Structures are given as structure tokens and as C-alpha cells.
All heavy atoms as atom14 arrays in JSON, in Angstrom:
{
  "sequence": "FILRRPETKAIWKKTRSSQEWEKADAKYVQNEKAGEWFLKNKLPESWR",
  "atom14_mask": [
    [1, 1, 1, 1, 1, 1, 1, 1, 1, 1, 1, 0, 0, 0],
    [1, 1, 1, 1, 1, 1, 1, 1, 0, 0, 0, 0, 0, 0],
    [1, 1, 1, 1, 1, 1, 1, 1, 0, 0, 0, 0, 0, 0],
    [1, 1, 1, 1, 1, 1, 1, 1, 1, 1, 1, 0, 0, 0],
    [1, 1, 1, 1, 1, 1, 1, 1, 1, 1, 1, 0, 0, 0],
    [1, 1, 1, 1, 1, 1, 1, 0, 0, 0, 0, 0, 0, 0],
    [1, 1, 1, 1, 1, 1, 1, 1, 1, 0, 0, 0, 0, 0],
    [1, 1, 1, 1, 1, 1, 1, 0, 0, 0, 0, 0, 0, 0],
    [1, 1, 1, 1, 1, 1, 1, 1, 1, 0, 0, 0, 0, 0],
    [1, 1, 1, 1, 1, 0, 0, 0, 0, 0, 0, 0, 0, 0],
    [1, 1, 1, 1, 1, 1, 1, 1, 0, 0, 0, 0, 0, 0],
    [1, 1, 1, 1, 1, 1, 1, 1, 1, 1, 1, 1, 1, 1],
    [1, 1, 1, 1, 1, 1, 1, 1, 1, 0, 0, 0, 0, 0],
    [1, 1, 1, 1, 1, 1, 1, 1, 1, 0, 0, 0, 0, 0],
    [1, 1, 1, 1, 1, 1, 1, 0, 0, 0, 0, 0, 0, 0],
    [1, 1, 1, 1, 1, 1, 1, 1, 1, 1, 1, 0, 0, 0],
    [1, 1, 1, 1, 1, 1, 0, 0, 0, 0, 0, 0, 0, 0],
    [1, 1, 1, 1, 1, 1, 0, 0, 0, 0, 0, 0, 0, 0],
    [1, 1, 1, 1, 1, 1, 1, 1, 1, 0, 0, 0, 0, 0],
    [1, 1, 1, 1, 1, 1, 1, 1, 1, 0, 0, 0, 0, 0],
    [1, 1, 1, 1, 1, 1, 1, 1, 1, 1, 1, 1, 1, 1],
    [1, 1, 1, 1, 1, 1, 1, 1, 1, 0, 0, 0, 0, 0],
    [1, 1, 1, 1, 1, 1, 1, 1, 1, 0, 0, 0, 0, 0],
    [1, 1, 1, 1, 1, 0, 0, 0, 0, 0, 0, 0, 0, 0],
    [1, 1, 1, 1, 1, 1, 1, 1, 0, 0, 0, 0, 0, 0],
    [1, 1, 1, 1, 1, 0, 0, 0, 0, 0, 0, 0, 0, 0],
    [1, 1, 1, 1, 1, 1, 1, 1, 1, 0, 0, 0, 0, 0],
    [1, 1, 1, 1, 1, 1, 1, 1, 1, 1, 1, 1, 0, 0],
    [1, 1, 1, 1, 1, 1, 1, 0, 0, 0, 0, 0, 0, 0],
    [1, 1, 1, 1, 1, 1, 1, 1, 1, 0, 0, 0, 0, 0],
    [1, 1, 1, 1, 1, 1, 1, 1, 0, 0, 0, 0, 0, 0],
    [1, 1, 1, 1, 1, 1, 1, 1, 1, 0, 0, 0, 0, 0],
    [1, 1, 1, 1, 1, 1, 1, 1, 1, 0, 0, 0, 0, 0],
    [1, 1, 1, 1, 1, 0, 0, 0, 0, 0, 0, 0, 0, 0],
    [1, 1, 1, 1, 0, 0, 0, 0, 0, 0, 0, 0, 0, 0],
    [1, 1, 1, 1, 1, 1, 1, 1, 1, 0, 0, 0, 0, 0],
    [1, 1, 1, 1, 1, 1, 1, 1, 1, 1, 1, 1, 1, 1],
    [1, 1, 1, 1, 1, 1, 1, 1, 1, 1, 1, 0, 0, 0],
    [1, 1, 1, 1, 1, 1, 1, 1, 0, 0, 0, 0, 0, 0],
    [1, 1, 1, 1, 1, 1, 1, 1, 1, 0, 0, 0, 0, 0],
    [1, 1, 1, 1, 1, 1, 1, 1, 0, 0, 0, 0, 0, 0],
    [1, 1, 1, 1, 1, 1, 1, 1, 1, 0, 0, 0, 0, 0],
    [1, 1, 1, 1, 1, 1, 1, 1, 0, 0, 0, 0, 0, 0],
    [1, 1, 1, 1, 1, 1, 1, 0, 0, 0, 0, 0, 0, 0],
    [1, 1, 1, 1, 1, 1, 1, 1, 1, 0, 0, 0, 0, 0],
    [1, 1, 1, 1, 1, 1, 0, 0, 0, 0, 0, 0, 0, 0],
    [1, 1, 1, 1, 1, 1, 1, 1, 1, 1, 1, 1, 1, 1],
    [1, 1, 1, 1, 1, 1, 1, 1, 1, 1, 1, 0, 0, 0]
  ],
  "atom14_positions": [
    [[55.23, 97.8, 13.87], [55.55, 98.49, 15.12], [55.35, 100.0, 15.0], [55.64, 100.6, 13.97], [56.99, 98.18, 15.53], [57.23, 96.72, 15.79], [57.99, 95.96, 14.91], [56.69, 96.1, 16.9], [58.21, 94.61, 15.14], [56.9, 94.75, 17.15], [57.66, 93.99, 16.26], [0.0, 0.0, 0.0], [0.0, 0.0, 0.0], [0.0, 0.0, 0.0]],
    [[54.88, 100.59, 16.1], [54.62, 102.03, 16.15], [55.65, 102.71, 17.04], [55.86, 102.3, 18.19], [53.2, 102.31, 16.67], [52.17, 101.73, 15.68], [52.97, 103.81, 16.84], [50.74, 101.84, 16.15], [0.0, 0.0, 0.0], [0.0, 0.0, 0.0], [0.0, 0.0, 0.0], [0.0, 0.0, 0.0], [0.0, 0.0, 0.0], [0.0, 0.0, 0.0]],
    [[56.29, 103.74, 16.51], [57.35, 104.46, 17.21], [56.95, 105.92, 17.39], [56.32, 106.53, 16.53], [58.66, 104.38, 16.42], [59.17, 102.99, 16.06], [60.48, 103.09, 15.3], [59.32, 102.11, 17.3], [0.0, 0.0, 0.0], [0.0, 0.0, 0.0], [0.0, 0.0, 0.0], [0.0, 0.0, 0.0], [0.0, 0.0, 0.0], [0.0, 0.0, 0.0]],
    [[57.38, 106.47, 18.53], [57.1, 107.86, 18.88], [58.44, 108.58, 19.04], [59.26, 108.17, 19.86], [56.29, 107.9, 20.17], [55.89, 109.27, 20.65], [54.98, 109.12, 21.87], [54.57, 110.41, 22.42], [53.72, 110.56, 23.44], [53.19, 109.48, 24.01], [53.41, 111.77, 23.88], [0.0, 0.0, 0.0], [0.0, 0.0, 0.0], [0.0, 0.0, 0.0]],
    [[58.64, 109.63, 18.24], [59.94, 110.32, 18.24], [59.76, 111.84, 18.29], [58.74, 112.37, 17.83], [60.74, 109.97, 16.99], [61.13, 108.51, 16.89], [62.1, 108.28, 15.74], [61.45, 108.32, 14.43], [62.1, 108.29, 13.27], [63.43, 108.27, 13.27], [61.46, 108.3, 12.11], [0.0, 0.0, 0.0], [0.0, 0.0, 0.0], [0.0, 0.0, 0.0]],
    [[60.76, 112.56, 18.81], [60.71, 114.02, 18.78], [60.72, 114.54, 17.34], [61.34, 113.93, 16.47], [61.98, 114.44, 19.52], [62.41, 113.23, 20.29], [61.96, 112.06, 19.49], [0.0, 0.0, 0.0], [0.0, 0.0, 0.0], [0.0, 0.0, 0.0], [0.0, 0.0, 0.0], [0.0, 0.0, 0.0], [0.0, 0.0, 0.0], [0.0, 0.0, 0.0]],
    [[60.05, 115.66, 17.09], [60.07, 116.3, 15.78], [59.85, 117.8, 15.96], [58.72, 118.27, 16.13], [58.97, 115.71, 14.87], [58.92, 116.33, 13.49], [60.27, 116.39, 12.82], [60.78, 115.32, 12.4], [60.82, 117.51, 12.73], [0.0, 0.0, 0.0], [0.0, 0.0, 0.0], [0.0, 0.0, 0.0], [0.0, 0.0, 0.0], [0.0, 0.0, 0.0]],
    [[60.95, 118.54, 15.98], [60.89, 119.97, 16.3], [60.11, 120.79, 15.27], [59.63, 121.88, 15.58], [62.3, 120.55, 16.43], [63.03, 120.32, 15.21], [63.06, 119.91, 17.59], [0.0, 0.0, 0.0], [0.0, 0.0, 0.0], [0.0, 0.0, 0.0], [0.0, 0.0, 0.0], [0.0, 0.0, 0.0], [0.0, 0.0, 0.0], [0.0, 0.0, 0.0]],
    [[59.96, 120.27, 14.06], [59.24, 121.03, 13.02], [57.73, 120.94, 13.18], [57.0, 121.75, 12.6], [59.64, 120.51, 11.64], [61.08, 120.79, 11.27], [61.4, 120.24, 9.88], [62.85, 120.49, 9.52], [63.19, 119.93, 8.18], [0.0, 0.0, 0.0], [0.0, 0.0, 0.0], [0.0, 0.0, 0.0], [0.0, 0.0, 0.0], [0.0, 0.0, 0.0]],
    [[57.25, 119.98, 13.94], [55.81, 119.78, 14.1], [55.3, 120.61, 15.27], [55.06, 120.1, 16.37], [55.49, 118.3, 14.3], [0.0, 0.0, 0.0], [0.0, 0.0, 0.0], [0.0, 0.0, 0.0], [0.0, 0.0, 0.0], [0.0, 0.0, 0.0], [0.0, 0.0, 0.0], [0.0, 0.0, 0.0], [0.0, 0.0, 0.0], [0.0, 0.0, 0.0]],
    [[55.12, 121.9, 15.05], [54.77, 122.81, 16.15], [53.27, 123.06, 16.25], [52.83, 123.81, 17.12], [55.53, 124.14, 16.04], [55.21, 124.84, 14.71], [57.04, 123.91, 16.17], [55.84, 126.22, 14.59], [0.0, 0.0, 0.0], [0.0, 0.0, 0.0], [0.0, 0.0, 0.0], [0.0, 0.0, 0.0], [0.0, 0.0, 0.0], [0.0, 0.0, 0.0]],
    [[52.48, 122.45, 15.37], [51.03, 122.54, 15.46], [50.51, 121.49, 16.47], [51.28, 120.72, 17.03], [50.39, 122.32, 14.08], [50.85, 121.07, 13.39], [50.3, 119.83, 13.47], [51.99, 120.95, 12.53], [51.01, 118.93, 12.72], [52.05, 119.59, 12.12], [52.95, 121.83, 12.05], [53.04, 119.1, 11.27], [53.93, 121.35, 11.2], [53.97, 120.0, 10.81]],
    [[49.21, 121.46, 16.67], [48.62, 120.54, 17.64], [48.44, 119.14, 17.04], [48.2, 118.99, 15.85], [47.27, 121.07, 18.13], [47.34, 122.39, 18.89], [48.15, 122.23, 20.17], [48.19, 123.54, 20.94], [49.03, 123.41, 22.17], [0.0, 0.0, 0.0], [0.0, 0.0, 0.0], [0.0, 0.0, 0.0], [0.0, 0.0, 0.0], [0.0, 0.0, 0.0]],
    [[48.54, 118.14, 17.9], [48.3, 116.77, 17.47], [46.83, 116.58, 17.1], [45.95, 117.28, 17.61], [48.66, 115.8, 18.6], [50.15, 115.77, 18.94], [50.4, 114.96, 20.2], [51.89, 114.95, 20.55], [52.17, 114.36, 21.86], [0.0, 0.0, 0.0], [0.0, 0.0, 0.0], [0.0, 0.0, 0.0], [0.0, 0.0, 0.0], [0.0, 0.0, 0.0]],
    [[46.59, 115.62, 16.22], [45.22, 115.3, 15.8], [44.66, 114.12, 16.59], [43.52, 114.14, 17.05], [45.18, 114.98, 14.29], [45.63, 116.13, 13.56], [43.78, 114.62, 13.85], [0.0, 0.0, 0.0], [0.0, 0.0, 0.0], [0.0, 0.0, 0.0], [0.0, 0.0, 0.0], [0.0, 0.0, 0.0], [0.0, 0.0, 0.0], [0.0, 0.0, 0.0]],
    [[45.47, 113.07, 16.76], [45.02, 111.89, 17.48], [45.02, 112.13, 18.99], [45.73, 113.0, 19.49], [45.9, 110.68, 17.15], [45.76, 110.21, 15.69], [46.68, 109.05, 15.4], [46.58, 108.62, 14.02], [46.01, 107.49, 13.61], [45.48, 106.66, 14.52], [45.98, 107.17, 12.34], [0.0, 0.0, 0.0], [0.0, 0.0, 0.0], [0.0, 0.0, 0.0]],
    [[44.25, 111.35, 19.69], [44.12, 111.51, 21.15], [45.41, 111.07, 21.85], [46.21, 110.31, 21.3], [42.96, 110.67, 21.67], [43.24, 109.28, 21.52], [0.0, 0.0, 0.0], [0.0, 0.0, 0.0], [0.0, 0.0, 0.0], [0.0, 0.0, 0.0], [0.0, 0.0, 0.0], [0.0, 0.0, 0.0], [0.0, 0.0, 0.0], [0.0, 0.0, 0.0]],
    [[45.56, 111.52, 23.08], [46.73, 111.13, 23.87], [46.73, 109.63, 24.13], [47.8, 109.01, 24.21], [46.74, 111.89, 25.2], [45.56, 111.65, 25.94], [0.0, 0.0, 0.0], [0.0, 0.0, 0.0], [0.0, 0.0, 0.0], [0.0, 0.0, 0.0], [0.0, 0.0, 0.0], [0.0, 0.0, 0.0], [0.0, 0.0, 0.0], [0.0, 0.0, 0.0]],
    [[45.55, 109.04, 24.22], [45.48, 107.59, 24.42], [46.07, 106.83, 23.23], [46.74, 105.81, 23.4], [44.01, 107.16, 24.63], [43.41, 107.59, 25.95], [42.84, 109.01, 25.9], [43.01, 109.72, 24.91], [42.17, 109.4, 26.98], [0.0, 0.0, 0.0], [0.0, 0.0, 0.0], [0.0, 0.0, 0.0], [0.0, 0.0, 0.0], [0.0, 0.0, 0.0]],
    [[45.81, 107.34, 22.03], [46.37, 106.69, 20.84], [47.88, 106.85, 20.79], [48.59, 105.92, 20.4], [45.73, 107.29, 19.58], [44.27, 106.91, 19.39], [43.68, 107.54, 18.15], [43.31, 108.74, 18.22], [43.59, 106.85, 17.13], [0.0, 0.0, 0.0], [0.0, 0.0, 0.0], [0.0, 0.0, 0.0], [0.0, 0.0, 0.0], [0.0, 0.0, 0.0]],
    [[48.4, 107.99, 21.18], [49.84, 108.2, 21.22], [50.5, 107.28, 22.25], [51.61, 106.79, 22.03], [50.15, 109.66, 21.55], [50.07, 110.57, 20.35], [48.94, 111.05, 19.75], [51.16, 111.1, 19.6], [49.27, 111.85, 18.68], [50.63, 111.91, 18.57], [52.55, 111.0, 19.72], [51.42, 112.59, 17.66], [53.35, 111.68, 18.81], [52.79, 112.45, 17.78]],
    [[49.82, 107.05, 23.34], [50.38, 106.22, 24.4], [50.47, 104.74, 24.0], [51.13, 103.96, 24.67], [49.56, 106.36, 25.69], [49.68, 107.72, 26.36], [51.11, 108.05, 26.78], [51.85, 107.11, 27.15], [51.47, 109.24, 26.72], [0.0, 0.0, 0.0], [0.0, 0.0, 0.0], [0.0, 0.0, 0.0], [0.0, 0.0, 0.0], [0.0, 0.0, 0.0]],
    [[49.81, 104.37, 22.92], [49.85, 102.98, 22.45], [51.15, 102.65, 21.7], [51.36, 101.49, 21.32], [48.66, 102.7, 21.54], [47.32, 102.7, 22.26], [46.18, 102.45, 21.28], [44.83, 102.5, 21.97], [43.71, 102.32, 21.0], [0.0, 0.0, 0.0], [0.0, 0.0, 0.0], [0.0, 0.0, 0.0], [0.0, 0.0, 0.0], [0.0, 0.0, 0.0]],
    [[52.01, 103.65, 21.48], [53.25, 103.41, 20.74], [54.07, 102.3, 21.4], [54.16, 102.22, 22.63], [54.07, 104.69, 20.68], [0.0, 0.0, 0.0], [0.0, 0.0, 0.0], [0.0, 0.0, 0.0], [0.0, 0.0, 0.0], [0.0, 0.0, 0.0], [0.0, 0.0, 0.0], [0.0, 0.0, 0.0], [0.0, 0.0, 0.0], [0.0, 0.0, 0.0]],
    [[54.66, 101.44, 20.57], [55.49, 100.35, 21.1], [56.76, 100.87, 21.76], [57.29, 100.23, 22.68], [55.86, 99.38, 19.98], [54.64, 98.68, 19.41], [54.03, 97.89, 20.15], [54.29, 98.94, 18.24], [0.0, 0.0, 0.0], [0.0, 0.0, 0.0], [0.0, 0.0, 0.0], [0.0, 0.0, 0.0], [0.0, 0.0, 0.0], [0.0, 0.0, 0.0]],
    [[57.27, 102.0, 21.28], [58.49, 102.57, 21.85], [58.49, 104.09, 21.67], [57.97, 104.61, 20.68], [59.73, 101.97, 21.18], [0.0, 0.0, 0.0], [0.0, 0.0, 0.0], [0.0, 0.0, 0.0], [0.0, 0.0, 0.0], [0.0, 0.0, 0.0], [0.0, 0.0, 0.0], [0.0, 0.0, 0.0], [0.0, 0.0, 0.0], [0.0, 0.0, 0.0]],
    [[59.08, 104.78, 22.65], [59.17, 106.23, 22.62], [60.61, 106.64, 22.83], [61.29, 106.15, 23.74], [58.29, 106.84, 23.73], [58.37, 108.36, 23.83], [57.49, 108.88, 24.96], [57.59, 110.4, 25.08], [56.73, 110.92, 26.18], [0.0, 0.0, 0.0], [0.0, 0.0, 0.0], [0.0, 0.0, 0.0], [0.0, 0.0, 0.0], [0.0, 0.0, 0.0]],
    [[61.08, 107.55, 21.96], [62.46, 108.05, 22.07], [62.45, 109.36, 22.85], [61.69, 110.28, 22.52], [63.07, 108.28, 20.69], [64.52, 108.72, 20.72], [65.54, 107.78, 20.73], [64.85, 110.06, 20.73], [66.88, 108.17, 20.76], [66.18, 110.46, 20.75], [67.19, 109.52, 20.76], [68.51, 109.91, 20.79], [0.0, 0.0, 0.0], [0.0, 0.0, 0.0]],
    [[63.3, 109.44, 23.86], [63.42, 110.66, 24.68], [64.84, 111.18, 24.56], [65.81, 110.46, 24.8], [63.08, 110.37, 26.16], [63.3, 111.63, 27.0], [61.64, 109.88, 26.28], [0.0, 0.0, 0.0], [0.0, 0.0, 0.0], [0.0, 0.0, 0.0], [0.0, 0.0, 0.0], [0.0, 0.0, 0.0], [0.0, 0.0, 0.0], [0.0, 0.0, 0.0]],
    [[64.95, 112.43, 24.16], [66.25, 113.06, 23.99], [66.69, 113.71, 25.29], [65.98, 114.54, 25.86], [66.2, 114.12, 22.88], [67.52, 114.8, 22.6], [68.52, 113.87, 21.95], [68.23, 113.24, 20.94], [69.7, 113.78, 22.54], [0.0, 0.0, 0.0], [0.0, 0.0, 0.0], [0.0, 0.0, 0.0], [0.0, 0.0, 0.0], [0.0, 0.0, 0.0]],
    [[67.85, 113.31, 25.79], [68.42, 113.94, 26.97], [69.45, 114.98, 26.54], [69.63, 115.23, 25.35], [69.07, 112.87, 27.85], [68.06, 111.82, 28.29], [66.94, 112.17, 28.67], [68.44, 110.55, 28.21], [0.0, 0.0, 0.0], [0.0, 0.0, 0.0], [0.0, 0.0, 0.0], [0.0, 0.0, 0.0], [0.0, 0.0, 0.0], [0.0, 0.0, 0.0]],
    [[70.16, 115.58, 27.48], [71.1, 116.64, 27.14], [72.22, 116.16, 26.24], [72.6, 116.82, 25.29], [71.69, 117.24, 28.42], [70.69, 118.09, 29.21], [71.36, 118.77, 30.39], [72.61, 118.71, 30.48], [70.64, 119.37, 31.2], [0.0, 0.0, 0.0], [0.0, 0.0, 0.0], [0.0, 0.0, 0.0], [0.0, 0.0, 0.0], [0.0, 0.0, 0.0]],
    [[72.77, 114.99, 26.53], [73.91, 114.51, 25.77], [73.6, 113.31, 24.87], [74.36, 113.01, 23.95], [75.06, 114.14, 26.72], [75.62, 115.34, 27.48], [76.8, 114.91, 28.33], [77.4, 116.1, 29.07], [78.57, 115.7, 29.91], [0.0, 0.0, 0.0], [0.0, 0.0, 0.0], [0.0, 0.0, 0.0], [0.0, 0.0, 0.0], [0.0, 0.0, 0.0]],
    [[72.52, 112.64, 25.14], [72.2, 111.44, 24.37], [70.7, 111.24, 24.36], [69.93, 112.1, 24.77], [72.9, 110.22, 24.97], [0.0, 0.0, 0.0], [0.0, 0.0, 0.0], [0.0, 0.0, 0.0], [0.0, 0.0, 0.0], [0.0, 0.0, 0.0], [0.0, 0.0, 0.0], [0.0, 0.0, 0.0], [0.0, 0.0, 0.0], [0.0, 0.0, 0.0]],
    [[70.28, 110.09, 23.86], [68.86, 109.78, 23.83], [68.64, 108.33, 24.22], [69.57, 107.54, 24.28], [0.0, 0.0, 0.0], [0.0, 0.0, 0.0], [0.0, 0.0, 0.0], [0.0, 0.0, 0.0], [0.0, 0.0, 0.0], [0.0, 0.0, 0.0], [0.0, 0.0, 0.0], [0.0, 0.0, 0.0], [0.0, 0.0, 0.0], [0.0, 0.0, 0.0]],
    [[67.38, 108.0, 24.5], [67.07, 106.65, 24.96], [65.68, 106.25, 24.52], [64.76, 107.08, 24.49], [67.19, 106.61, 26.48], [66.99, 105.24, 27.09], [67.15, 105.25, 28.58], [67.47, 106.32, 29.15], [66.95, 104.18, 29.21], [0.0, 0.0, 0.0], [0.0, 0.0, 0.0], [0.0, 0.0, 0.0], [0.0, 0.0, 0.0], [0.0, 0.0, 0.0]],
    [[65.52, 104.99, 24.14], [64.22, 104.44, 23.79], [63.58, 103.81, 25.03], [64.22, 103.03, 25.73], [64.35, 103.38, 22.71], [64.65, 103.93, 21.35], [65.87, 104.09, 20.78], [63.7, 104.39, 20.38], [65.77, 104.62, 19.52], [64.44, 104.82, 19.25], [62.31, 104.49, 20.35], [63.81, 105.33, 18.1], [61.69, 105.0, 19.22], [62.44, 105.42, 18.11]],
    [[62.33, 104.14, 25.29], [61.56, 103.53, 26.36], [60.51, 102.63, 25.73], [59.69, 103.1, 24.92], [60.92, 104.6, 27.24], [61.91, 105.38, 28.05], [62.51, 106.52, 27.53], [62.28, 104.95, 29.32], [63.44, 107.24, 28.26], [63.21, 105.67, 30.07], [63.8, 106.8, 29.54], [0.0, 0.0, 0.0], [0.0, 0.0, 0.0], [0.0, 0.0, 0.0]],
    [[60.54, 101.36, 26.06], [59.68, 100.38, 25.41], [58.4, 100.14, 26.2], [58.44, 99.86, 27.4], [60.43, 99.05, 25.25], [61.76, 99.08, 24.49], [62.3, 97.67, 24.33], [61.62, 99.76, 23.13], [0.0, 0.0, 0.0], [0.0, 0.0, 0.0], [0.0, 0.0, 0.0], [0.0, 0.0, 0.0], [0.0, 0.0, 0.0], [0.0, 0.0, 0.0]],
    [[57.28, 100.25, 25.52], [55.99, 99.87, 26.12], [55.76, 98.38, 25.86], [55.23, 97.66, 26.71], [54.86, 100.7, 25.52], [53.48, 100.39, 26.09], [52.43, 101.25, 25.42], [51.04, 100.97, 25.99], [50.93, 101.35, 27.41], [0.0, 0.0, 0.0], [0.0, 0.0, 0.0], [0.0, 0.0, 0.0], [0.0, 0.0, 0.0], [0.0, 0.0, 0.0]],
    [[56.16, 97.96, 24.68], [56.06, 96.55, 24.29], [57.43, 96.09, 23.79], [58.23, 96.88, 23.29], [55.02, 96.36, 23.17], [53.65, 96.83, 23.59], [53.13, 96.39, 24.61], [53.06, 97.71, 22.8], [0.0, 0.0, 0.0], [0.0, 0.0, 0.0], [0.0, 0.0, 0.0], [0.0, 0.0, 0.0], [0.0, 0.0, 0.0], [0.0, 0.0, 0.0]],
    [[57.7, 94.82, 23.91], [58.99, 94.29, 23.5], [59.18, 94.43, 21.99], [58.29, 94.09, 21.21], [59.12, 92.83, 23.91], [60.5, 92.25, 23.64], [60.61, 90.81, 24.15], [62.01, 90.26, 23.88], [62.14, 88.86, 24.37], [0.0, 0.0, 0.0], [0.0, 0.0, 0.0], [0.0, 0.0, 0.0], [0.0, 0.0, 0.0], [0.0, 0.0, 0.0]],
    [[60.33, 94.95, 21.6], [60.67, 95.08, 20.18], [61.83, 94.14, 19.86], [62.72, 93.92, 20.68], [61.11, 96.51, 19.85], [60.07, 97.61, 19.87], [60.73, 98.94, 19.52], [58.94, 97.32, 18.9], [0.0, 0.0, 0.0], [0.0, 0.0, 0.0], [0.0, 0.0, 0.0], [0.0, 0.0, 0.0], [0.0, 0.0, 0.0], [0.0, 0.0, 0.0]],
    [[61.87, 93.6, 18.64], [63.06, 92.84, 18.22], [64.24, 93.78, 18.05], [64.06, 95.0, 17.92], [62.63, 92.23, 16.89], [61.57, 93.15, 16.37], [60.85, 93.67, 17.58], [0.0, 0.0, 0.0], [0.0, 0.0, 0.0], [0.0, 0.0, 0.0], [0.0, 0.0, 0.0], [0.0, 0.0, 0.0], [0.0, 0.0, 0.0], [0.0, 0.0, 0.0]],
    [[65.42, 93.25, 18.04], [66.62, 94.07, 17.82], [66.55, 94.77, 16.47], [67.01, 95.9, 16.32], [67.87, 93.2, 17.9], [69.16, 93.99, 17.79], [70.38, 93.1, 17.95], [70.27, 92.04, 18.6], [71.45, 93.47, 17.42], [0.0, 0.0, 0.0], [0.0, 0.0, 0.0], [0.0, 0.0, 0.0], [0.0, 0.0, 0.0], [0.0, 0.0, 0.0]],
    [[65.97, 94.1, 15.49], [65.74, 94.7, 14.19], [64.56, 94.0, 13.53], [64.2, 92.89, 13.91], [66.99, 94.58, 13.3], [67.26, 93.23, 12.99], [0.0, 0.0, 0.0], [0.0, 0.0, 0.0], [0.0, 0.0, 0.0], [0.0, 0.0, 0.0], [0.0, 0.0, 0.0], [0.0, 0.0, 0.0], [0.0, 0.0, 0.0], [0.0, 0.0, 0.0]],
    [[63.96, 94.67, 12.55], [62.9, 94.06, 11.76], [62.96, 94.66, 10.35], [63.76, 95.55, 10.08], [61.53, 94.22, 12.4], [60.99, 95.62, 12.51], [60.11, 96.23, 11.67], [61.27, 96.57, 13.55], [59.82, 97.51, 12.1], [60.51, 97.74, 13.25], [62.07, 96.57, 14.69], [60.55, 98.88, 14.06], [62.11, 97.69, 15.49], [61.36, 98.84, 15.17]],
    [[62.14, 94.15, 9.46], [62.25, 94.53, 8.06], [61.0, 95.24, 7.55], [59.89, 94.91, 7.96], [62.53, 93.29, 7.18], [63.82, 92.59, 7.53], [63.95, 91.26, 6.8], [65.14, 90.54, 7.25], [65.48, 89.33, 6.81], [64.73, 88.71, 5.91], [66.57, 88.75, 7.27], [0.0, 0.0, 0.0], [0.0, 0.0, 0.0], [0.0, 0.0, 0.0]]
  ]
}
């Protein structure tokens, strides 16, 4: 599974295309008080 998460230390430009980033199975979005995962594809509750 491919996950997309915030990373404040990565302030340089991305290398892969936006289309490749959009293929992530899930993306984490940080809100003011909490965060939430948005799923592009169904993920199991856990995996190994």
C-alpha cells in the first residue's frame, strides 16, 4: 500500500509527477485540531 503524508522538512520540489502522487491508496490531511485519512482505495484495518 502507498500512503501520502505531510512532511514539513521536505521543502524542496517533488520529483515524481502529480499523477503518480495521486495514485496513493490513502492521503493524510492535517486539520487545525486533528487529522484524517482520505482513502482512494480500500485499505484493511491493519496489515503487516
